[in-house]
Amino acid sequence: MRLRHNRRFDLEASCWGKAREEVDPYFLVCASRWFAPLEYGDAEAAQLRVSGTLTADDRMAVESVEEVS
């Protein structure tokens, strides 16, 4: 999650295919850069990219959700 000074946020959730885990057993511990593009050739990979603002009581007000596969 990225939180900006104006209470805006960007959040990303990524999922890679099982093949990546089999090739690199430490992948989940040493995850790649945030907001990086999905890797070429992983048909099971997907990302959800969410943006919005934090309200006065620190709740997330979601403005957009994009699914990238």
C-alpha atoms as a PDB file:
ATOM      1  CA  MET A   1       0.000   0.000   0.000  1.00  0.00           C
ATOM      2  CA  ARG A   2       1.211   3.501  -0.833  1.00  0.00           C
ATOM      3  CA  LEU A   3      -0.109   6.321   1.316  1.00  0.00           C
ATOM      4  CA  ARG A   4       0.363   9.861   0.087  1.00  0.00           C
ATOM      5  CA  HIS A   5       0.465  13.083   2.107  1.00  0.00           C
ATOM      6  CA  ASN A   6      -3.055  14.084   0.946  1.00  0.00           C
ATOM      7  CA  ARG A   7      -4.569  10.853   2.419  1.00  0.00           C
ATOM      8  CA  ARG A   8      -4.842   9.230  -0.990  1.00  0.00           C
ATOM      9  CA  PHE A   9      -3.755   5.608  -1.255  1.00  0.00           C
ATOM     10  CA  ASP A  10      -2.886   3.014  -3.877  1.00  0.00           C
ATOM     11  CA  LEU A  11      -3.087  -0.644  -2.969  1.00  0.00           C
ATOM     12  CA  GLU A  12      -1.987  -3.652  -4.989  1.00  0.00           C
ATOM     13  CA  ALA A  13      -2.642  -7.340  -4.454  1.00  0.00           C
ATOM     14  CA  SER A  14      -0.747  -9.741  -6.714  1.00  0.00           C
ATOM     15  CA  CYS A  15      -1.064 -13.448  -7.346  1.00  0.00           C
ATOM     16  CA  TRP A  16       1.398 -15.537  -9.333  1.00  0.00           C
ATOM     17  CA  GLY A  17       0.929 -19.007 -10.717  1.00  0.00           C
ATOM     18  CA  LYS A  18       2.095 -22.166  -8.947  1.00  0.00           C
ATOM     19  CA  ALA A  19       4.933 -22.578 -11.472  1.00  0.00           C
ATOM     20  CA  ARG A  20       6.713 -19.542  -9.990  1.00  0.00           C
ATOM     21  CA  GLU A  21       6.622 -21.056  -6.501  1.00  0.00           C
ATOM     22  CA  GLU A  22       8.084 -24.325  -7.808  1.00  0.00           C
ATOM     23  CA  VAL A  23      10.960 -22.528  -9.554  1.00  0.00           C
ATOM     24  CA  ASP A  24      11.760 -20.190  -6.638  1.00  0.00           C
ATOM     25  CA  PRO A  25      10.673 -21.524  -3.215  1.00  0.00           C
ATOM     26  CA  TYR A  26      11.709 -18.229  -1.558  1.00  0.00           C
ATOM     27  CA  PHE A  27       9.629 -16.070  -3.898  1.00  0.00           C
ATOM     28  CA  LEU A  28       6.923 -15.282  -1.332  1.00  0.00           C
ATOM     29  CA  VAL A  29       9.533 -14.176   1.204  1.00  0.00           C
ATOM     30  CA  CYS A  30      11.519 -12.076  -1.289  1.00  0.00           C
ATOM     31  CA  ALA A  31       8.654 -10.607  -3.314  1.00  0.00           C
ATOM     32  CA  SER A  32       9.424  -8.367  -6.260  1.00  0.00           C
ATOM     33  CA  ARG A  33       8.961  -4.595  -6.322  1.00  0.00           C
ATOM     34  CA  TRP A  34       5.485  -3.274  -5.606  1.00  0.00           C
ATOM     35  CA  PHE A  35       3.520  -1.996  -8.567  1.00  0.00           C
ATOM     36  CA  ALA A  36       5.774  -3.877 -10.959  1.00  0.00           C
ATOM     37  CA  PRO A  37       4.203  -5.238 -14.153  1.00  0.00           C
ATOM     38  CA  LEU A  38       3.127  -8.860 -14.213  1.00  0.00           C
ATOM     39  CA  GLU A  39       5.764 -11.226 -15.472  1.00  0.00           C
ATOM     40  CA  TYR A  40       5.538 -12.395 -19.048  1.00  0.00           C
ATOM     41  CA  GLY A  41       4.533 -16.011 -19.505  1.00  0.00           C
ATOM     42  CA  ASP A  42       2.662 -16.600 -16.229  1.00  0.00           C
ATOM     43  CA  ALA A  43      -0.894 -17.228 -17.421  1.00  0.00           C
ATOM     44  CA  GLU A  44      -2.158 -17.569 -13.824  1.00  0.00           C
ATOM     45  CA  ALA A  45      -0.786 -14.212 -12.674  1.00  0.00           C
ATOM     46  CA  ALA A  46      -3.201 -11.431 -11.780  1.00  0.00           C
ATOM     47  CA  GLN A  47      -3.274  -8.155  -9.889  1.00  0.00           C
ATOM     48  CA  LEU A  48      -5.938  -6.031  -8.279  1.00  0.00           C
ATOM     49  CA  ARG A  49      -5.064  -2.336  -8.188  1.00  0.00           C
ATOM     50  CA  VAL A  50      -7.170  -0.233  -5.851  1.00  0.00           C
ATOM     51  CA  SER A  51      -7.080   3.517  -5.285  1.00  0.00           C
ATOM     52  CA  GLY A  52      -8.985   5.840  -3.033  1.00  0.00           C
ATOM     53  CA  THR A  53      -8.740   8.048   0.033  1.00  0.00           C
ATOM     54  CA  LEU A  54      -8.635   7.614   3.786  1.00  0.00           C
ATOM     55  CA  THR A  55     -11.612   9.168   5.551  1.00  0.00           C
ATOM     56  CA  ALA A  56     -11.380  11.294   8.706  1.00  0.00           C
ATOM     57  CA  ASP A  57     -11.942   8.147  10.812  1.00  0.00           C
ATOM     58  CA  ASP A  58      -9.198   6.258   8.878  1.00  0.00           C
ATOM     59  CA  ARG A  59     -11.491   4.065   6.802  1.00  0.00           C
ATOM     60  CA  MET A  60     -10.682   3.326   3.176  1.00  0.00           C
ATOM     61  CA  ALA A  61     -13.008   4.971   0.668  1.00  0.00           C
ATOM     62  CA  VAL A  62     -12.364   3.003  -2.525  1.00  0.00           C
ATOM     63  CA  GLU A  63     -12.675   4.980  -5.759  1.00  0.00           C
ATOM     64  CA  SER A  64     -11.469   2.471  -8.340  1.00  0.00           C
ATOM     65  CA  VAL A  65     -10.560  -1.204  -8.678  1.00  0.00           C
ATOM     66  CA  GLU A  66      -8.726  -2.495 -11.739  1.00  0.00           C
ATOM     67  CA  GLU A  67      -8.049  -6.169 -12.452  1.00  0.00           C
ATOM     68  CA  VAL A  68      -4.927  -6.857 -14.504  1.00  0.00           C
ATOM     69  CA  SER A  69      -4.210 -10.314 -15.840  1.00  0.00           C
END
